[in-house]
PDB file of N, CA and C in Angstrom:
ATOM      1  N   MET A   1       1.834  43.585  30.606  1.00  0.00           N
ATOM      2  CA  MET A   1       3.218  43.362  30.242  1.00  0.00           C
ATOM      3  C   MET A   1       4.002  44.645  30.398  1.00  0.00           C
ATOM      4  N   GLU A   2       5.231  44.488  30.787  1.00  0.00           N
ATOM      5  CA  GLU A   2       6.176  45.598  30.887  1.00  0.00           C
ATOM      6  C   GLU A   2       7.251  45.397  29.820  1.00  0.00           C
ATOM      7  N   PHE A   3       7.640  46.500  29.175  1.00  0.00           N
ATOM      8  CA  PHE A   3       8.630  46.455  28.101  1.00  0.00           C
ATOM      9  C   PHE A   3       9.828  47.309  28.509  1.00  0.00           C
ATOM     10  N   TRP A   4      11.003  46.759  28.346  1.00  0.00           N
ATOM     11  CA  TRP A   4      12.252  47.418  28.733  1.00  0.00           C
ATOM     12  C   TRP A   4      13.163  47.491  27.512  1.00  0.00           C
ATOM     13  N   ILE A   5      13.446  48.734  27.052  1.00  0.00           N
ATOM     14  CA  ILE A   5      14.359  48.893  25.918  1.00  0.00           C
ATOM     15  C   ILE A   5      15.579  49.739  26.271  1.00  0.00           C
ATOM     16  N   LEU A   6      15.568  50.351  27.445  1.00  0.00           N
ATOM     17  CA  LEU A   6      16.743  51.094  27.902  1.00  0.00           C
ATOM     18  C   LEU A   6      17.658  50.091  28.585  1.00  0.00           C
ATOM     19  N   GLY A   7      18.652  49.640  27.854  1.00  0.00           N
ATOM     20  CA  GLY A   7      19.477  48.520  28.313  1.00  0.00           C
ATOM     21  C   GLY A   7      19.088  47.302  27.498  1.00  0.00           C
ATOM     22  N   PRO A   8      19.345  46.114  28.032  1.00  0.00           N
ATOM     23  CA  PRO A   8      18.967  44.912  27.280  1.00  0.00           C
ATOM     24  C   PRO A   8      17.450  44.830  27.091  1.00  0.00           C
ATOM     25  N   LEU A   9      17.026  44.398  25.919  1.00  0.00           N
ATOM     26  CA  LEU A   9      15.603  44.241  25.623  1.00  0.00           C
ATOM     27  C   LEU A   9      15.027  43.167  26.525  1.00  0.00           C
ATOM     28  N   GLU A  10      13.947  43.530  27.227  1.00  0.00           N
ATOM     29  CA  GLU A  10      13.252  42.571  28.079  1.00  0.00           C
ATOM     30  C   GLU A  10      11.762  42.841  28.033  1.00  0.00           C
ATOM     31  N   VAL A  11      11.007  41.784  28.199  1.00  0.00           N
ATOM     32  CA  VAL A  11       9.566  41.890  28.372  1.00  0.00           C
ATOM     33  C   VAL A  11       9.224  41.015  29.563  1.00  0.00           C
ATOM     34  N   THR A  12       8.421  41.564  30.475  1.00  0.00           N
ATOM     35  CA  THR A  12       7.980  40.777  31.617  1.00  0.00           C
ATOM     36  C   THR A  12       6.456  40.763  31.658  1.00  0.00           C
ATOM     37  N   SER A  13       5.936  39.681  32.175  1.00  0.00           N
ATOM     38  CA  SER A  13       4.503  39.538  32.363  1.00  0.00           C
ATOM     39  C   SER A  13       4.298  38.972  33.764  1.00  0.00           C
ATOM     40  N   GLY A  14       3.614  39.740  34.598  1.00  0.00           N
ATOM     41  CA  GLY A  14       3.437  39.308  35.973  1.00  0.00           C
ATOM     42  C   GLY A  14       4.752  39.184  36.712  1.00  0.00           C
ATOM     43  N   GLY A  15       5.721  40.009  36.325  1.00  0.00           N
ATOM     44  CA  GLY A  15       7.029  39.977  36.963  1.00  0.00           C
ATOM     45  C   GLY A  15       7.961  38.897  36.449  1.00  0.00           C
ATOM     46  N   ARG A  16       7.486  38.082  35.526  1.00  0.00           N
ATOM     47  CA  ARG A  16       8.311  37.003  34.974  1.00  0.00           C
ATOM     48  C   ARG A  16       8.752  37.340  33.560  1.00  0.00           C
ATOM     49  N   PRO A  17       9.987  36.974  33.194  1.00  0.00           N
ATOM     50  CA  PRO A  17      10.458  37.255  31.837  1.00  0.00           C
ATOM     51  C   PRO A  17       9.665  36.483  30.787  1.00  0.00           C
ATOM     52  N   VAL A  18       9.454  37.130  29.654  1.00  0.00           N
ATOM     53  CA  VAL A  18       8.797  36.501  28.503  1.00  0.00           C
ATOM     54  C   VAL A  18       9.898  36.085  27.536  1.00  0.00           C
ATOM     55  N   GLU A  19       9.867  34.843  27.091  1.00  0.00           N
ATOM     56  CA  GLU A  19      10.829  34.341  26.116  1.00  0.00           C
ATOM     57  C   GLU A  19      10.517  34.959  24.761  1.00  0.00           C
ATOM     58  N   LEU A  20      11.484  35.685  24.201  1.00  0.00           N
ATOM     59  CA  LEU A  20      11.261  36.442  22.972  1.00  0.00           C
ATOM     60  C   LEU A  20      11.767  35.751  21.711  1.00  0.00           C
ATOM     61  N   GLY A  21      12.395  34.611  21.849  1.00  0.00           N
ATOM     62  CA  GLY A  21      12.804  33.863  20.665  1.00  0.00           C
ATOM     63  C   GLY A  21      14.114  34.315  20.063  1.00  0.00           C
ATOM     64  N   TYR A  22      14.225  34.112  18.764  1.00  0.00           N
ATOM     65  CA  TYR A  22      15.451  34.365  18.004  1.00  0.00           C
ATOM     66  C   TYR A  22      15.946  35.806  18.143  1.00  0.00           C
ATOM     67  N   THR A  23      17.233  35.994  17.958  1.00  0.00           N
ATOM     68  CA  THR A  23      17.832  37.326  18.036  1.00  0.00           C
ATOM     69  C   THR A  23      17.196  38.282  17.038  1.00  0.00           C
ATOM     70  N   LYS A  24      17.024  37.854  15.807  1.00  0.00           N
ATOM     71  CA  LYS A  24      16.423  38.742  14.793  1.00  0.00           C
ATOM     72  C   LYS A  24      14.978  39.080  15.163  1.00  0.00           C
ATOM     73  N   GLN A  25      14.287  38.153  15.770  1.00  0.00           N
ATOM     74  CA  GLN A  25      12.929  38.406  16.242  1.00  0.00           C
ATOM     75  C   GLN A  25      12.959  39.496  17.316  1.00  0.00           C
ATOM     76  N   GLN A  26      13.951  39.448  18.178  1.00  0.00           N
ATOM     77  CA  GLN A  26      14.108  40.464  19.217  1.00  0.00           C
ATOM     78  C   GLN A  26      14.440  41.825  18.612  1.00  0.00           C
ATOM     79  N   VAL A  27      15.227  41.839  17.543  1.00  0.00           N
ATOM     80  CA  VAL A  27      15.540  43.097  16.858  1.00  0.00           C
ATOM     81  C   VAL A  27      14.259  43.713  16.293  1.00  0.00           C
ATOM     82  N   VAL A  28      13.396  42.877  15.727  1.00  0.00           N
ATOM     83  CA  VAL A  28      12.114  43.373  15.214  1.00  0.00           C
ATOM     84  C   VAL A  28      11.314  44.002  16.339  1.00  0.00           C
ATOM     85  N   LEU A  29      11.218  43.324  17.480  1.00  0.00           N
ATOM     86  CA  LEU A  29      10.477  43.882  18.608  1.00  0.00           C
ATOM     87  C   LEU A  29      11.110  45.185  19.085  1.00  0.00           C
ATOM     88  N   GLY A  30      12.414  45.230  19.190  1.00  0.00           N
ATOM     89  CA  GLY A  30      13.086  46.458  19.611  1.00  0.00           C
ATOM     90  C   GLY A  30      12.780  47.618  18.688  1.00  0.00           C
ATOM     91  N   ALA A  31      12.815  47.377  17.381  1.00  0.00           N
ATOM     92  CA  ALA A  31      12.500  48.435  16.412  1.00  0.00           C
ATOM     93  C   ALA A  31      11.051  48.877  16.550  1.00  0.00           C
ATOM     94  N   LEU A  32      10.146  47.942  16.741  1.00  0.00           N
ATOM     95  CA  LEU A  32       8.741  48.300  16.914  1.00  0.00           C
ATOM     96  C   LEU A  32       8.533  49.104  18.194  1.00  0.00           C
ATOM     97  N   LEU A  33       9.233  48.738  19.253  1.00  0.00           N
ATOM     98  CA  LEU A  33       9.085  49.456  20.523  1.00  0.00           C
ATOM     99  C   LEU A  33       9.684  50.856  20.470  1.00  0.00           C
ATOM    100  N   LEU A  34      10.717  51.043  19.664  1.00  0.00           N
ATOM    101  CA  LEU A  34      11.274  52.394  19.501  1.00  0.00           C
ATOM    102  C   LEU A  34      10.238  53.348  18.919  1.00  0.00           C
ATOM    103  N   TYR A  35       9.318  52.809  18.144  1.00  0.00           N
ATOM    104  CA  TYR A  35       8.258  53.598  17.516  1.00  0.00           C
ATOM    105  C   TYR A  35       6.890  53.089  17.997  1.00  0.00           C
ATOM    106  N   ALA A  36       6.792  52.794  19.280  1.00  0.00           N
ATOM    107  CA  ALA A  36       5.574  52.213  19.854  1.00  0.00           C
ATOM    108  C   ALA A  36       4.347  53.028  19.468  1.00  0.00           C
ATOM    109  N   ASN A  37       3.294  52.313  19.139  1.00  0.00           N
ATOM    110  CA  ASN A  37       1.999  52.893  18.777  1.00  0.00           C
ATOM    111  C   ASN A  37       2.023  53.659  17.456  1.00  0.00           C
ATOM    112  N   ARG A  38       3.058  53.430  16.658  1.00  0.00           N
ATOM    113  CA  ARG A  38       3.148  54.001  15.309  1.00  0.00           C
ATOM    114  C   ARG A  38       3.509  52.874  14.339  1.00  0.00           C
ATOM    115  N   VAL A  39       3.089  53.020  13.112  1.00  0.00           N
ATOM    116  CA  VAL A  39       3.402  52.004  12.105  1.00  0.00           C
ATOM    117  C   VAL A  39       4.880  52.107  11.731  1.00  0.00           C
ATOM    118  N   VAL A  40       5.544  50.953  11.751  1.00  0.00           N
ATOM    119  CA  VAL A  40       6.936  50.863  11.311  1.00  0.00           C
ATOM    120  C   VAL A  40       6.914  50.155   9.956  1.00  0.00           C
ATOM    121  N   PRO A  41       7.384  50.838   8.910  1.00  0.00           N
ATOM    122  CA  PRO A  41       7.366  50.219   7.579  1.00  0.00           C
ATOM    123  C   PRO A  41       8.208  48.944   7.537  1.00  0.00           C
ATOM    124  N   ARG A  42       7.731  47.978   6.791  1.00  0.00           N
ATOM    125  CA  ARG A  42       8.446  46.712   6.630  1.00  0.00           C
ATOM    126  C   ARG A  42       9.879  46.965   6.137  1.00  0.00           C
ATOM    127  N   GLU A  43      10.049  47.942   5.249  1.00  0.00           N
ATOM    128  CA  GLU A  43      11.387  48.238   4.719  1.00  0.00           C
ATOM    129  C   GLU A  43      12.344  48.684   5.828  1.00  0.00           C
ATOM    130  N   ARG A  44      11.835  49.419   6.801  1.00  0.00           N
ATOM    131  CA  ARG A  44      12.686  49.851   7.920  1.00  0.00           C
ATOM    132  C   ARG A  44      13.141  48.637   8.728  1.00  0.00           C
ATOM    133  N   LEU A  45      12.230  47.696   8.955  1.00  0.00           N
ATOM    134  CA  LEU A  45      12.592  46.485   9.692  1.00  0.00           C
ATOM    135  C   LEU A  45      13.627  45.679   8.916  1.00  0.00           C
ATOM    136  N   ILE A  46      13.450  45.596   7.616  1.00  0.00           N
ATOM    137  CA  ILE A  46      14.418  44.883   6.775  1.00  0.00           C
ATOM    138  C   ILE A  46      15.780  45.558   6.867  1.00  0.00           C
ATOM    139  N   ASP A  47      15.812  46.892   6.819  1.00  0.00           N
ATOM    140  CA  ASP A  47      17.079  47.621   6.952  1.00  0.00           C
ATOM    141  C   ASP A  47      17.728  47.359   8.309  1.00  0.00           C
ATOM    142  N   GLU A  48      16.935  47.338   9.362  1.00  0.00           N
ATOM    143  CA  GLU A  48      17.470  47.091  10.711  1.00  0.00           C
ATOM    144  C   GLU A  48      18.104  45.708  10.817  1.00  0.00           C
ATOM    145  N   LEU A  49      17.500  44.735  10.147  1.00  0.00           N
ATOM    146  CA  LEU A  49      17.994  43.364  10.249  1.00  0.00           C
ATOM    147  C   LEU A  49      19.153  43.048   9.316  1.00  0.00           C
ATOM    148  N   TRP A  50      19.105  43.571   8.095  1.00  0.00           N
ATOM    149  CA  TRP A  50      20.087  43.151   7.103  1.00  0.00           C
ATOM    150  C   TRP A  50      20.835  44.286   6.419  1.00  0.00           C
ATOM    151  N   GLY A  51      20.471  45.520   6.682  1.00  0.00           N
ATOM    152  CA  GLY A  51      21.170  46.638   6.048  1.00  0.00           C
ATOM    153  C   GLY A  51      21.041  46.601   4.541  1.00  0.00           C
ATOM    154  N   GLU A  52      22.161  46.758   3.866  1.00  0.00           N
ATOM    155  CA  GLU A  52      22.190  46.860   2.408  1.00  0.00           C
ATOM    156  C   GLU A  52      22.042  45.517   1.693  1.00  0.00           C
ATOM    157  N   SER A  53      22.114  44.406   2.435  1.00  0.00           N
ATOM    158  CA  SER A  53      22.117  43.085   1.787  1.00  0.00           C
ATOM    159  C   SER A  53      21.015  42.164   2.308  1.00  0.00           C
ATOM    160  N   PRO A  54      19.760  42.546   2.142  1.00  0.00           N
ATOM    161  CA  PRO A  54      18.702  41.658   2.616  1.00  0.00           C
ATOM    162  C   PRO A  54      18.562  40.433   1.716  1.00  0.00           C
ATOM    163  N   PRO A  55      18.173  39.310   2.306  1.00  0.00           N
ATOM    164  CA  PRO A  55      17.935  38.129   1.470  1.00  0.00           C
ATOM    165  C   PRO A  55      16.655  38.317   0.653  1.00  0.00           C
ATOM    166  N   PRO A  56      16.505  37.584  -0.426  1.00  0.00           N
ATOM    167  CA  PRO A  56      15.288  37.694  -1.242  1.00  0.00           C
ATOM    168  C   PRO A  56      14.009  37.401  -0.441  1.00  0.00           C
ATOM    169  N   SER A  57      14.141  36.598   0.600  1.00  0.00           N
ATOM    170  CA  SER A  57      12.982  36.208   1.401  1.00  0.00           C
ATOM    171  C   SER A  57      12.765  37.119   2.616  1.00  0.00           C
ATOM    172  N   ALA A  58      13.358  38.303   2.620  1.00  0.00           N
ATOM    173  CA  ALA A  58      13.315  39.180   3.804  1.00  0.00           C
ATOM    174  C   ALA A  58      11.895  39.478   4.278  1.00  0.00           C
ATOM    175  N   ALA A  59      10.990  39.819   3.376  1.00  0.00           N
ATOM    176  CA  ALA A  59       9.618  40.146   3.782  1.00  0.00           C
ATOM    177  C   ALA A  59       8.951  38.945   4.439  1.00  0.00           C
ATOM    178  N   LYS A  60       9.174  37.757   3.888  1.00  0.00           N
ATOM    179  CA  LYS A  60       8.604  36.528   4.447  1.00  0.00           C
ATOM    180  C   LYS A  60       9.218  36.232   5.820  1.00  0.00           C
ATOM    181  N   LEU A  61      10.512  36.465   5.959  1.00  0.00           N
ATOM    182  CA  LEU A  61      11.171  36.257   7.253  1.00  0.00           C
ATOM    183  C   LEU A  61      10.613  37.210   8.310  1.00  0.00           C
ATOM    184  N   ILE A  62      10.389  38.466   7.928  1.00  0.00           N
ATOM    185  CA  ILE A  62       9.793  39.435   8.860  1.00  0.00           C
ATOM    186  C   ILE A  62       8.435  38.926   9.323  1.00  0.00           C
ATOM    187  N   GLN A  63       7.625  38.415   8.400  1.00  0.00           N
ATOM    188  CA  GLN A  63       6.318  37.865   8.771  1.00  0.00           C
ATOM    189  C   GLN A  63       6.466  36.754   9.794  1.00  0.00           C
ATOM    190  N   GLY A  64       7.458  35.907   9.617  1.00  0.00           N
ATOM    191  CA  GLY A  64       7.703  34.816  10.558  1.00  0.00           C
ATOM    192  C   GLY A  64       8.113  35.325  11.925  1.00  0.00           C
ATOM    193  N   TYR A  65       8.973  36.344  11.955  1.00  0.00           N
ATOM    194  CA  TYR A  65       9.398  36.913  13.242  1.00  0.00           C
ATOM    195  C   TYR A  65       8.219  37.559  13.959  1.00  0.00           C
ATOM    196  N   VAL A  66       7.378  38.267  13.223  1.00  0.00           N
ATOM    197  CA  VAL A  66       6.198  38.895  13.820  1.00  0.00           C
ATOM    198  C   VAL A  66       5.251  37.823  14.354  1.00  0.00           C
ATOM    199  N   SER A  67       5.092  36.753  13.617  1.00  0.00           N
ATOM    200  CA  SER A  67       4.244  35.651  14.062  1.00  0.00           C
ATOM    201  C   SER A  67       4.773  35.067  15.376  1.00  0.00           C
ATOM    202  N   GLY A  68       6.074  34.881  15.472  1.00  0.00           N
ATOM    203  CA  GLY A  68       6.683  34.381  16.705  1.00  0.00           C
ATOM    204  C   GLY A  68       6.479  35.338  17.870  1.00  0.00           C
ATOM    205  N   LEU A  69       6.588  36.624  17.596  1.00  0.00           N
ATOM    206  CA  LEU A  69       6.360  37.623  18.642  1.00  0.00           C
ATOM    207  C   LEU A  69       4.905  37.625  19.090  1.00  0.00           C
ATOM    208  N   ARG A  70       3.999  37.427  18.166  1.00  0.00           N
ATOM    209  CA  ARG A  70       2.579  37.353  18.548  1.00  0.00           C
ATOM    210  C   ARG A  70       2.327  36.151  19.453  1.00  0.00           C
ATOM    211  N   ARG A  71       2.987  35.042  19.180  1.00  0.00           N
ATOM    212  CA  ARG A  71       2.841  33.877  20.056  1.00  0.00           C
ATOM    213  C   ARG A  71       3.365  34.192  21.453  1.00  0.00           C
ATOM    214  N   ALA A  72       4.459  34.930  21.527  1.00  0.00           N
ATOM    215  CA  ALA A  72       5.072  35.247  22.820  1.00  0.00           C
ATOM    216  C   ALA A  72       4.315  36.330  23.587  1.00  0.00           C
ATOM    217  N   LEU A  73       3.812  37.334  22.869  1.00  0.00           N
ATOM    218  CA  LEU A  73       3.233  38.523  23.512  1.00  0.00           C
ATOM    219  C   LEU A  73       1.705  38.550  23.511  1.00  0.00           C
ATOM    220  N   GLY A  74       1.106  37.718  22.702  1.00  0.00           N
ATOM    221  CA  GLY A  74      -0.345  37.748  22.548  1.00  0.00           C
ATOM    222  C   GLY A  74      -0.701  38.163  21.134  1.00  0.00           C
ATOM    223  N   ARG A  75      -1.744  37.582  20.649  1.00  0.00           N
ATOM    224  CA  ARG A  75      -2.136  37.759  19.252  1.00  0.00           C
ATOM    225  C   ARG A  75      -2.357  39.206  18.852  1.00  0.00           C
ATOM    226  N   ASP A  76      -2.865  40.018  19.774  1.00  0.00           N
ATOM    227  CA  ASP A  76      -3.215  41.398  19.440  1.00  0.00           C
ATOM    228  C   ASP A  76      -2.102  42.405  19.731  1.00  0.00           C
ATOM    229  N   ALA A  77      -0.957  41.936  20.195  1.00  0.00           N
ATOM    230  CA  ALA A  77       0.117  42.855  20.578  1.00  0.00           C
ATOM    231  C   ALA A  77       0.702  43.597  19.378  1.00  0.00           C
ATOM    232  N   ILE A  78       0.792  42.912  18.252  1.00  0.00           N
ATOM    233  CA  ILE A  78       1.353  43.518  17.037  1.00  0.00           C
ATOM    234  C   ILE A  78       0.305  43.447  15.947  1.00  0.00           C
ATOM    235  N   VAL A  79       0.040  44.601  15.337  1.00  0.00           N
ATOM    236  CA  VAL A  79      -0.993  44.718  14.310  1.00  0.00           C
ATOM    237  C   VAL A  79      -0.317  44.933  12.959  1.00  0.00           C
ATOM    238  N   THR A  80      -0.822  44.253  11.947  1.00  0.00           N
ATOM    239  CA  THR A  80      -0.338  44.458  10.583  1.00  0.00           C
ATOM    240  C   THR A  80      -1.096  45.631   9.986  1.00  0.00           C
ATOM    241  N   ARG A  81      -0.360  46.572   9.444  1.00  0.00           N
ATOM    242  CA  ARG A  81      -0.937  47.715   8.735  1.00  0.00           C
ATOM    243  C   ARG A  81      -0.354  47.718   7.329  1.00  0.00           C
ATOM    244  N   SER A  82      -0.943  48.474   6.457  1.00  0.00           N
ATOM    245  CA  SER A  82      -0.479  48.540   5.088  1.00  0.00           C
ATOM    246  C   SER A  82       1.011  48.867   5.051  1.00  0.00           C
ATOM    247  N   GLY A  83       1.803  47.917   4.603  1.00  0.00           N
ATOM    248  CA  GLY A  83       3.231  48.134   4.441  1.00  0.00           C
ATOM    249  C   GLY A  83       4.054  48.078   5.704  1.00  0.00           C
ATOM    250  N   GLY A  84       3.457  47.690   6.842  1.00  0.00           N
ATOM    251  CA  GLY A  84       4.250  47.653   8.063  1.00  0.00           C
ATOM    252  C   GLY A  84       3.527  47.032   9.237  1.00  0.00           C
ATOM    253  N   TYR A  85       4.072  47.303  10.420  1.00  0.00           N
ATOM    254  CA  TYR A  85       3.555  46.726  11.650  1.00  0.00           C
ATOM    255  C   TYR A  85       3.523  47.785  12.743  1.00  0.00           C
ATOM    256  N   LEU A  86       2.642  47.565  13.704  1.00  0.00           N
ATOM    257  CA  LEU A  86       2.470  48.490  14.819  1.00  0.00           C
ATOM    258  C   LEU A  86       2.348  47.664  16.090  1.00  0.00           C
ATOM    259  N   VAL A  87       3.088  48.043  17.121  1.00  0.00           N
ATOM    260  CA  VAL A  87       2.955  47.383  18.415  1.00  0.00           C
ATOM    261  C   VAL A  87       2.185  48.317  19.340  1.00  0.00           C
ATOM    262  N   HIS A  88       1.119  47.796  19.938  1.00  0.00           N
ATOM    263  CA  HIS A  88       0.322  48.575  20.889  1.00  0.00           C
ATOM    264  C   HIS A  88       0.949  48.448  22.270  1.00  0.00           C
ATOM    265  N   VAL A  89       1.324  49.599  22.867  1.00  0.00           N
ATOM    266  CA  VAL A  89       1.919  49.596  24.200  1.00  0.00           C
ATOM    267  C   VAL A  89       1.399  50.792  24.979  1.00  0.00           C
ATOM    268  N   ASP A  90       0.906  50.527  26.165  1.00  0.00           N
ATOM    269  CA  ASP A  90       0.562  51.611  27.090  1.00  0.00           C
ATOM    270  C   ASP A  90       1.872  52.304  27.456  1.00  0.00           C
ATOM    271  N   PRO A  91       1.982  53.622  27.257  1.00  0.00           N
ATOM    272  CA  PRO A  91       3.245  54.316  27.538  1.00  0.00           C
ATOM    273  C   PRO A  91       3.774  54.080  28.956  1.00  0.00           C
ATOM    274  N   GLU A  92       2.904  53.829  29.909  1.00  0.00           N
ATOM    275  CA  GLU A  92       3.367  53.573  31.281  1.00  0.00           C
ATOM    276  C   GLU A  92       3.958  52.177  31.438  1.00  0.00           C
ATOM    277  N   ARG A  93       3.850  51.369  30.405  1.00  0.00           N
ATOM    278  CA  ARG A  93       4.401  50.009  30.443  1.00  0.00           C
ATOM    279  C   ARG A  93       5.691  49.878  29.627  1.00  0.00           C
ATOM    280  N   LEU A  94       6.168  51.025  29.111  1.00  0.00           N
ATOM    281  CA  LEU A  94       7.399  51.056  28.315  1.00  0.00           C
ATOM    282  C   LEU A  94       8.387  51.968  29.019  1.00  0.00           C
ATOM    283  N   ASP A  95       9.544  51.421  29.409  1.00  0.00           N
ATOM    284  CA  ASP A  95      10.489  52.193  30.216  1.00  0.00           C
ATOM    285  C   ASP A  95      10.940  53.489  29.544  1.00  0.00           C
ATOM    286  N   ALA A  96      11.143  53.486  28.237  1.00  0.00           N
ATOM    287  CA  ALA A  96      11.595  54.695  27.542  1.00  0.00           C
ATOM    288  C   ALA A  96      10.540  55.791  27.598  1.00  0.00           C
ATOM    289  N   ALA A  97       9.272  55.430  27.469  1.00  0.00           N
ATOM    290  CA  ALA A  97       8.190  56.418  27.539  1.00  0.00           C
ATOM    291  C   ALA A  97       8.068  56.983  28.953  1.00  0.00           C
ATOM    292  N   ARG A  98       8.206  56.118  29.961  1.00  0.00           N
ATOM    293  CA  ARG A  98       8.175  56.604  31.355  1.00  0.00           C
ATOM    294  C   ARG A  98       9.328  57.558  31.605  1.00  0.00           C
ATOM    295  N   PHE A  99      10.504  57.210  31.093  1.00  0.00           N
ATOM    296  CA  PHE A  99      11.679  58.062  31.263  1.00  0.00           C
ATOM    297  C   PHE A  99      11.447  59.437  30.635  1.00  0.00           C
ATOM    298  N   GLU A 100      10.930  59.473  29.413  1.00  0.00           N
ATOM    299  CA  GLU A 100      10.665  60.744  28.745  1.00  0.00           C
ATOM    300  C   GLU A 100       9.662  61.585  29.526  1.00  0.00           C
ATOM    301  N   ARG A 101       8.621  60.939  30.061  1.00  0.00           N
ATOM    302  CA  ARG A 101       7.618  61.654  30.853  1.00  0.00           C
ATOM    303  C   ARG A 101       8.248  62.226  32.117  1.00  0.00           C
ATOM    304  N   LEU A 102       9.064  61.457  32.791  1.00  0.00           N
ATOM    305  CA  LEU A 102       9.700  61.925  34.025  1.00  0.00           C
ATOM    306  C   LEU A 102      10.680  63.079  33.754  1.00  0.00           C
ATOM    307  N   VAL A 103      11.408  63.005  32.659  1.00  0.00           N
ATOM    308  CA  VAL A 103      12.314  64.099  32.292  1.00  0.00           C
ATOM    309  C   VAL A 103      11.510  65.369  32.038  1.00  0.00           C
ATOM    310  N   ALA A 104      10.407  65.258  31.308  1.00  0.00           N
ATOM    311  CA  ALA A 104       9.567  66.421  31.024  1.00  0.00           C
ATOM    312  C   ALA A 104       8.998  66.993  32.316  1.00  0.00           C
ATOM    313  N   GLU A 105       8.570  66.132  33.223  1.00  0.00           N
ATOM    314  CA  GLU A 105       8.051  66.619  34.517  1.00  0.00           C
ATOM    315  C   GLU A 105       9.157  67.310  35.318  1.00  0.00           C
ATOM    316  N   GLY A 106      10.356  66.758  35.271  1.00  0.00           N
ATOM    317  CA  GLY A 106      11.479  67.350  35.999  1.00  0.00           C
ATOM    318  C   GLY A 106      11.848  68.724  35.467  1.00  0.00           C
ATOM    319  N   ARG A 107      11.717  68.900  34.170  1.00  0.00           N
ATOM    320  CA  ARG A 107      12.046  70.206  33.568  1.00  0.00           C
ATOM    321  C   ARG A 107      10.969  71.243  33.847  1.00  0.00           C
ATOM    322  N   ALA A 108       9.742  70.785  34.063  1.00  0.00           N
ATOM    323  CA  ALA A 108       8.612  71.719  34.254  1.00  0.00           C
ATOM    324  C   ALA A 108       8.601  72.335  35.608  1.00  0.00           C
TER     325      ALA A 108
END
């Protein structure tokens, strides 16, 4: 899979777009991809989605969005960790990571 976060959020598999579901589900994926391969605390995801006014069911809603993303991306794509979630991404499959690597190479 290829992940694109510079510009509109996109995921492709075999060159074809992957349906990512609801807008809030896409926001969760975008936040996870910004911190790819690191745990993103559930509270940070709640802040990204609702800011200062999260609904009482926010944690449960996050679980639902992650579940939907797992259906779209594969069961092992997003891992639950204590208090948060982690998305496993090969840096060469994430446009932002490739961009950072190319900038560093250009400066060297």
